[in-house]
Amino acid sequence: MRIIEIAIGVILLGGASWTTVRTYRGHGISSILVLAFAVFLVTLGLAFLFGAFGEFFRNLRFGSEWLK
């Protein structure tokens, strides 16, 4: 499940970077709205990535038998 969350996070970050590059030289309100959507994608992607890696490290710290 964590691998799927990591893949979703990477895809969202890639989509945000592609959106930002495509609208870099744009002007007007539509460009601002597209860049706001890119910021939303970055936030969502980072939430997925931090959630997945946080769960991974939490499992290493508290759930692993080899550490006890």
PDB file of N, CA and C in Angstrom:
ATOM      1  N   MET A   1       0.822  -1.193   0.000  1.00  0.00           N
ATOM      2  CA  MET A   1       0.000   0.000   0.000  1.00  0.00           C
ATOM      3  C   MET A   1       0.865   1.256   0.000  1.00  0.00           C
ATOM      4  N   ARG A   2       1.997   1.199   0.726  1.00  0.00           N
ATOM      5  CA  ARG A   2       2.872   2.372   0.761  1.00  0.00           C
ATOM      6  C   ARG A   2       3.488   2.658  -0.598  1.00  0.00           C
ATOM      7  N   ILE A   3       3.768   1.594  -1.347  1.00  0.00           N
ATOM      8  CA  ILE A   3       4.355   1.794  -2.675  1.00  0.00           C
ATOM      9  C   ILE A   3       3.367   2.519  -3.578  1.00  0.00           C
ATOM     10  N   ILE A   4       2.092   2.199  -3.457  1.00  0.00           N
ATOM     11  CA  ILE A   4       1.065   2.883  -4.247  1.00  0.00           C
ATOM     12  C   ILE A   4       0.979   4.348  -3.835  1.00  0.00           C
ATOM     13  N   GLU A   5       1.043   4.627  -2.532  1.00  0.00           N
ATOM     14  CA  GLU A   5       1.017   6.014  -2.069  1.00  0.00           C
ATOM     15  C   GLU A   5       2.232   6.790  -2.561  1.00  0.00           C
ATOM     16  N   ILE A   6       3.394   6.160  -2.553  1.00  0.00           N
ATOM     17  CA  ILE A   6       4.598   6.819  -3.058  1.00  0.00           C
ATOM     18  C   ILE A   6       4.464   7.094  -4.548  1.00  0.00           C
ATOM     19  N   ALA A   7       3.938   6.128  -5.300  1.00  0.00           N
ATOM     20  CA  ALA A   7       3.749   6.327  -6.740  1.00  0.00           C
ATOM     21  C   ALA A   7       2.755   7.456  -7.009  1.00  0.00           C
ATOM     22  N   ILE A   8       1.669   7.507  -6.235  1.00  0.00           N
ATOM     23  CA  ILE A   8       0.694   8.589  -6.406  1.00  0.00           C
ATOM     24  C   ILE A   8       1.343   9.938  -6.106  1.00  0.00           C
ATOM     25  N   GLY A   9       2.134  10.009  -5.049  1.00  0.00           N
ATOM     26  CA  GLY A   9       2.813  11.259  -4.703  1.00  0.00           C
ATOM     27  C   GLY A   9       3.769  11.716  -5.784  1.00  0.00           C
ATOM     28  N   VAL A  10       4.525  10.791  -6.348  1.00  0.00           N
ATOM     29  CA  VAL A  10       5.476  11.138  -7.413  1.00  0.00           C
ATOM     30  C   VAL A  10       4.718  11.592  -8.663  1.00  0.00           C
ATOM     31  N   ILE A  11       3.619  10.920  -8.994  1.00  0.00           N
ATOM     32  CA  ILE A  11       2.821  11.321 -10.161  1.00  0.00           C
ATOM     33  C   ILE A  11       2.239  12.716  -9.957  1.00  0.00           C
ATOM     34  N   LEU A  12       1.745  13.001  -8.761  1.00  0.00           N
ATOM     35  CA  LEU A  12       1.192  14.332  -8.489  1.00  0.00           C
ATOM     36  C   LEU A  12       2.272  15.412  -8.564  1.00  0.00           C
ATOM     37  N   LEU A  13       3.456  15.112  -8.030  1.00  0.00           N
ATOM     38  CA  LEU A  13       4.538  16.098  -8.124  1.00  0.00           C
ATOM     39  C   LEU A  13       4.986  16.302  -9.567  1.00  0.00           C
ATOM     40  N   GLY A  14       5.007  15.225 -10.352  1.00  0.00           N
ATOM     41  CA  GLY A  14       5.344  15.355 -11.769  1.00  0.00           C
ATOM     42  C   GLY A  14       4.307  16.168 -12.524  1.00  0.00           C
ATOM     43  N   GLY A  15       3.041  15.952 -12.227  1.00  0.00           N
ATOM     44  CA  GLY A  15       1.982  16.735 -12.861  1.00  0.00           C
ATOM     45  C   GLY A  15       2.063  18.203 -12.485  1.00  0.00           C
ATOM     46  N   ALA A  16       2.410  18.483 -11.252  1.00  0.00           N
ATOM     47  CA  ALA A  16       2.547  19.874 -10.827  1.00  0.00           C
ATOM     48  C   ALA A  16       3.716  20.545 -11.521  1.00  0.00           C
ATOM     49  N   SER A  17       4.827  19.840 -11.661  1.00  0.00           N
ATOM     50  CA  SER A  17       5.975  20.452 -12.337  1.00  0.00           C
ATOM     51  C   SER A  17       5.684  20.657 -13.817  1.00  0.00           C
ATOM     52  N   TRP A  18       4.998  19.708 -14.448  1.00  0.00           N
ATOM     53  CA  TRP A  18       4.639  19.858 -15.858  1.00  0.00           C
ATOM     54  C   TRP A  18       3.697  21.038 -16.042  1.00  0.00           C
ATOM     55  N   THR A  19       2.728  21.184 -15.148  1.00  0.00           N
ATOM     56  CA  THR A  19       1.786  22.302 -15.227  1.00  0.00           C
ATOM     57  C   THR A  19       2.508  23.625 -15.050  1.00  0.00           C
ATOM     58  N   THR A  20       3.457  23.674 -14.136  1.00  0.00           N
ATOM     59  CA  THR A  20       4.197  24.909 -13.895  1.00  0.00           C
ATOM     60  C   THR A  20       5.052  25.281 -15.102  1.00  0.00           C
ATOM     61  N   VAL A  21       5.705  24.309 -15.694  1.00  0.00           N
ATOM     62  CA  VAL A  21       6.550  24.588 -16.861  1.00  0.00           C
ATOM     63  C   VAL A  21       5.704  25.040 -18.049  1.00  0.00           C
ATOM     64  N   ARG A  22       4.554  24.428 -18.234  1.00  0.00           N
ATOM     65  CA  ARG A  22       3.704  24.777 -19.381  1.00  0.00           C
ATOM     66  C   ARG A  22       3.109  26.183 -19.266  1.00  0.00           C
ATOM     67  N   THR A  23       2.905  26.680 -18.054  1.00  0.00           N
ATOM     68  CA  THR A  23       2.268  27.992 -17.875  1.00  0.00           C
ATOM     69  C   THR A  23       3.242  29.043 -17.364  1.00  0.00           C
ATOM     70  N   TYR A  24       4.539  28.795 -17.474  1.00  0.00           N
ATOM     71  CA  TYR A  24       5.519  29.713 -16.896  1.00  0.00           C
ATOM     72  C   TYR A  24       5.443  31.094 -17.526  1.00  0.00           C
ATOM     73  N   ARG A  25       5.250  31.166 -18.821  1.00  0.00           N
ATOM     74  CA  ARG A  25       5.242  32.459 -19.497  1.00  0.00           C
ATOM     75  C   ARG A  25       3.840  32.989 -19.755  1.00  0.00           C
ATOM     76  N   GLY A  26       2.857  32.338 -19.204  1.00  0.00           N
ATOM     77  CA  GLY A  26       1.480  32.782 -19.401  1.00  0.00           C
ATOM     78  C   GLY A  26       1.165  34.040 -18.611  1.00  0.00           C
ATOM     79  N   HIS A  27       0.168  34.739 -19.075  1.00  0.00           N
ATOM     80  CA  HIS A  27      -0.266  35.968 -18.406  1.00  0.00           C
ATOM     81  C   HIS A  27      -1.762  35.887 -18.200  1.00  0.00           C
ATOM     82  N   GLY A  28      -2.213  36.601 -17.205  1.00  0.00           N
ATOM     83  CA  GLY A  28      -3.644  36.679 -16.989  1.00  0.00           C
ATOM     84  C   GLY A  28      -4.126  35.790 -15.860  1.00  0.00           C
ATOM     85  N   ILE A  29      -5.437  35.829 -15.667  1.00  0.00           N
ATOM     86  CA  ILE A  29      -6.054  35.122 -14.553  1.00  0.00           C
ATOM     87  C   ILE A  29      -6.015  33.610 -14.758  1.00  0.00           C
ATOM     88  N   SER A  30      -6.080  33.162 -15.995  1.00  0.00           N
ATOM     89  CA  SER A  30      -6.062  31.717 -16.226  1.00  0.00           C
ATOM     90  C   SER A  30      -4.717  31.116 -15.837  1.00  0.00           C
ATOM     91  N   SER A  31      -3.648  31.855 -16.080  1.00  0.00           N
ATOM     92  CA  SER A  31      -2.319  31.378 -15.691  1.00  0.00           C
ATOM     93  C   SER A  31      -2.206  31.288 -14.170  1.00  0.00           C
ATOM     94  N   ILE A  32      -2.761  32.255 -13.487  1.00  0.00           N
ATOM     95  CA  ILE A  32      -2.727  32.249 -12.022  1.00  0.00           C
ATOM     96  C   ILE A  32      -3.533  31.075 -11.478  1.00  0.00           C
ATOM     97  N   LEU A  33      -4.669  30.795 -12.083  1.00  0.00           N
ATOM     98  CA  LEU A  33      -5.486  29.663 -11.635  1.00  0.00           C
ATOM     99  C   LEU A  33      -4.783  28.327 -11.876  1.00  0.00           C
ATOM    100  N   VAL A  34      -4.111  28.216 -13.011  1.00  0.00           N
ATOM    101  CA  VAL A  34      -3.383  26.971 -13.291  1.00  0.00           C
ATOM    102  C   VAL A  34      -2.226  26.801 -12.318  1.00  0.00           C
ATOM    103  N   LEU A  35      -1.535  27.870 -11.991  1.00  0.00           N
ATOM    104  CA  LEU A  35      -0.438  27.767 -11.026  1.00  0.00           C
ATOM    105  C   LEU A  35      -0.963  27.470  -9.617  1.00  0.00           C
ATOM    106  N   ALA A  36      -2.135  27.993  -9.280  1.00  0.00           N
ATOM    107  CA  ALA A  36      -2.743  27.641  -7.994  1.00  0.00           C
ATOM    108  C   ALA A  36      -3.092  26.152  -7.961  1.00  0.00           C
ATOM    109  N   PHE A  37      -3.553  25.611  -9.083  1.00  0.00           N
ATOM    110  CA  PHE A  37      -3.820  24.185  -9.163  1.00  0.00           C
ATOM    111  C   PHE A  37      -2.526  23.387  -9.021  1.00  0.00           C
ATOM    112  N   ALA A  38      -1.426  23.897  -9.573  1.00  0.00           N
ATOM    113  CA  ALA A  38      -0.132  23.230  -9.434  1.00  0.00           C
ATOM    114  C   ALA A  38       0.309  23.213  -7.971  1.00  0.00           C
ATOM    115  N   VAL A  39       0.074  24.285  -7.252  1.00  0.00           N
ATOM    116  CA  VAL A  39       0.402  24.322  -5.828  1.00  0.00           C
ATOM    117  C   VAL A  39      -0.436  23.297  -5.068  1.00  0.00           C
ATOM    118  N   PHE A  40      -1.701  23.166  -5.441  1.00  0.00           N
ATOM    119  CA  PHE A  40      -2.563  22.158  -4.832  1.00  0.00           C
ATOM    120  C   PHE A  40      -2.018  20.753  -5.095  1.00  0.00           C
ATOM    121  N   LEU A  41      -1.561  20.497  -6.322  1.00  0.00           N
ATOM    122  CA  LEU A  41      -0.996  19.184  -6.646  1.00  0.00           C
ATOM    123  C   LEU A  41       0.274  18.908  -5.848  1.00  0.00           C
ATOM    124  N   VAL A  42       1.103  19.920  -5.674  1.00  0.00           N
ATOM    125  CA  VAL A  42       2.328  19.753  -4.887  1.00  0.00           C
ATOM    126  C   VAL A  42       1.979  19.417  -3.442  1.00  0.00           C
ATOM    127  N   THR A  43       1.023  20.136  -2.883  1.00  0.00           N
ATOM    128  CA  THR A  43       0.624  19.885  -1.503  1.00  0.00           C
ATOM    129  C   THR A  43       0.083  18.469  -1.335  1.00  0.00           C
ATOM    130  N   LEU A  44      -0.752  18.058  -2.256  1.00  0.00           N
ATOM    131  CA  LEU A  44      -1.325  16.719  -2.190  1.00  0.00           C
ATOM    132  C   LEU A  44      -0.250  15.647  -2.376  1.00  0.00           C
ATOM    133  N   GLY A  45       0.651  15.862  -3.324  1.00  0.00           N
ATOM    134  CA  GLY A  45       1.734  14.909  -3.556  1.00  0.00           C
ATOM    135  C   GLY A  45       2.656  14.773  -2.363  1.00  0.00           C
ATOM    136  N   LEU A  46       3.001  15.899  -1.739  1.00  0.00           N
ATOM    137  CA  LEU A  46       3.867  15.843  -0.563  1.00  0.00           C
ATOM    138  C   LEU A  46       3.159  15.188   0.617  1.00  0.00           C
ATOM    139  N   ALA A  47       1.850  15.402   0.726  1.00  0.00           N
ATOM    140  CA  ALA A  47       1.096  14.746   1.797  1.00  0.00           C
ATOM    141  C   ALA A  47       1.134  13.225   1.624  1.00  0.00           C
ATOM    142  N   PHE A  48       0.968  12.755   0.393  1.00  0.00           N
ATOM    143  CA  PHE A  48       1.060  11.316   0.143  1.00  0.00           C
ATOM    144  C   PHE A  48       2.460  10.787   0.458  1.00  0.00           C
ATOM    145  N   LEU A  49       3.485  11.508   0.017  1.00  0.00           N
ATOM    146  CA  LEU A  49       4.855  11.039   0.246  1.00  0.00           C
ATOM    147  C   LEU A  49       5.224  11.034   1.724  1.00  0.00           C
ATOM    148  N   PHE A  50       4.931  12.135   2.425  1.00  0.00           N
ATOM    149  CA  PHE A  50       5.259  12.185   3.845  1.00  0.00           C
ATOM    150  C   PHE A  50       4.452  11.165   4.634  1.00  0.00           C
ATOM    151  N   GLY A  51       3.203  10.950   4.247  1.00  0.00           N
ATOM    152  CA  GLY A  51       2.389   9.946   4.918  1.00  0.00           C
ATOM    153  C   GLY A  51       2.950   8.545   4.736  1.00  0.00           C
ATOM    154  N   ALA A  52       3.353   8.227   3.519  1.00  0.00           N
ATOM    155  CA  ALA A  52       3.882   6.887   3.245  1.00  0.00           C
ATOM    156  C   ALA A  52       5.208   6.658   3.952  1.00  0.00           C
ATOM    157  N   PHE A  53       6.116   7.629   3.871  1.00  0.00           N
ATOM    158  CA  PHE A  53       7.409   7.447   4.526  1.00  0.00           C
ATOM    159  C   PHE A  53       7.285   7.510   6.041  1.00  0.00           C
ATOM    160  N   GLY A  54       6.374   8.327   6.555  1.00  0.00           N
ATOM    161  CA  GLY A  54       6.141   8.361   7.999  1.00  0.00           C
ATOM    162  C   GLY A  54       5.620   7.036   8.510  1.00  0.00           C
ATOM    163  N   GLU A  55       4.703   6.434   7.760  1.00  0.00           N
ATOM    164  CA  GLU A  55       4.184   5.120   8.129  1.00  0.00           C
ATOM    165  C   GLU A  55       5.290   4.064   8.091  1.00  0.00           C
ATOM    166  N   PHE A  56       6.155   4.156   7.088  1.00  0.00           N
ATOM    167  CA  PHE A  56       7.270   3.207   6.972  1.00  0.00           C
ATOM    168  C   PHE A  56       8.198   3.300   8.178  1.00  0.00           C
ATOM    169  N   PHE A  57       8.595   4.527   8.551  1.00  0.00           N
ATOM    170  CA  PHE A  57       9.513   4.689   9.674  1.00  0.00           C
ATOM    171  C   PHE A  57       8.837   4.381  11.005  1.00  0.00           C
ATOM    172  N   ARG A  58       7.550   4.676  11.126  1.00  0.00           N
ATOM    173  CA  ARG A  58       6.823   4.333  12.342  1.00  0.00           C
ATOM    174  C   ARG A  58       6.774   2.815  12.516  1.00  0.00           C
ATOM    175  N   ASN A  59       6.584   2.120  11.424  1.00  0.00           N
ATOM    176  CA  ASN A  59       6.570   0.661  11.474  1.00  0.00           C
ATOM    177  C   ASN A  59       7.951   0.125  11.845  1.00  0.00           C
ATOM    178  N   LEU A  60       9.000   0.750  11.354  1.00  0.00           N
ATOM    179  CA  LEU A  60      10.351   0.320  11.722  1.00  0.00           C
ATOM    180  C   LEU A  60      10.619   0.531  13.206  1.00  0.00           C
ATOM    181  N   ARG A  61      10.154   1.653  13.745  1.00  0.00           N
ATOM    182  CA  ARG A  61      10.454   1.973  15.137  1.00  0.00           C
ATOM    183  C   ARG A  61       9.626   1.154  16.117  1.00  0.00           C
ATOM    184  N   PHE A  62       8.330   0.989  15.842  1.00  0.00           N
ATOM    185  CA  PHE A  62       7.447   0.398  16.843  1.00  0.00           C
ATOM    186  C   PHE A  62       7.003  -1.022  16.513  1.00  0.00           C
ATOM    187  N   GLY A  63       6.988  -1.402  15.242  1.00  0.00           N
ATOM    188  CA  GLY A  63       6.396  -2.675  14.899  1.00  0.00           C
ATOM    189  C   GLY A  63       7.369  -3.778  14.551  1.00  0.00           C
ATOM    190  N   SER A  64       8.626  -3.474  14.474  1.00  0.00           N
ATOM    191  CA  SER A  64       9.583  -4.484  14.039  1.00  0.00           C
ATOM    192  C   SER A  64      10.030  -5.352  15.199  1.00  0.00           C
ATOM    193  N   GLU A  65      10.025  -6.627  14.983  1.00  0.00           N
ATOM    194  CA  GLU A  65      10.447  -7.560  16.008  1.00  0.00           C
ATOM    195  C   GLU A  65      11.969  -7.615  16.132  1.00  0.00           C
ATOM    196  N   TRP A  66      12.674  -7.341  15.047  1.00  0.00           N
ATOM    197  CA  TRP A  66      14.124  -7.469  15.099  1.00  0.00           C
ATOM    198  C   TRP A  66      14.775  -6.366  15.897  1.00  0.00           C
ATOM    199  N   LEU A  67      14.057  -5.272  16.174  1.00  0.00           N
ATOM    200  CA  LEU A  67      14.618  -4.211  16.994  1.00  0.00           C
ATOM    201  C   LEU A  67      14.476  -4.487  18.485  1.00  0.00           C
ATOM    202  N   LYS A  68      13.552  -5.378  18.852  1.00  0.00           N
ATOM    203  CA  LYS A  68      13.271  -5.608  20.278  1.00  0.00           C
ATOM    204  C   LYS A  68      14.233  -6.562  20.918  1.00  0.00           C
TER     205      LYS A  68
END
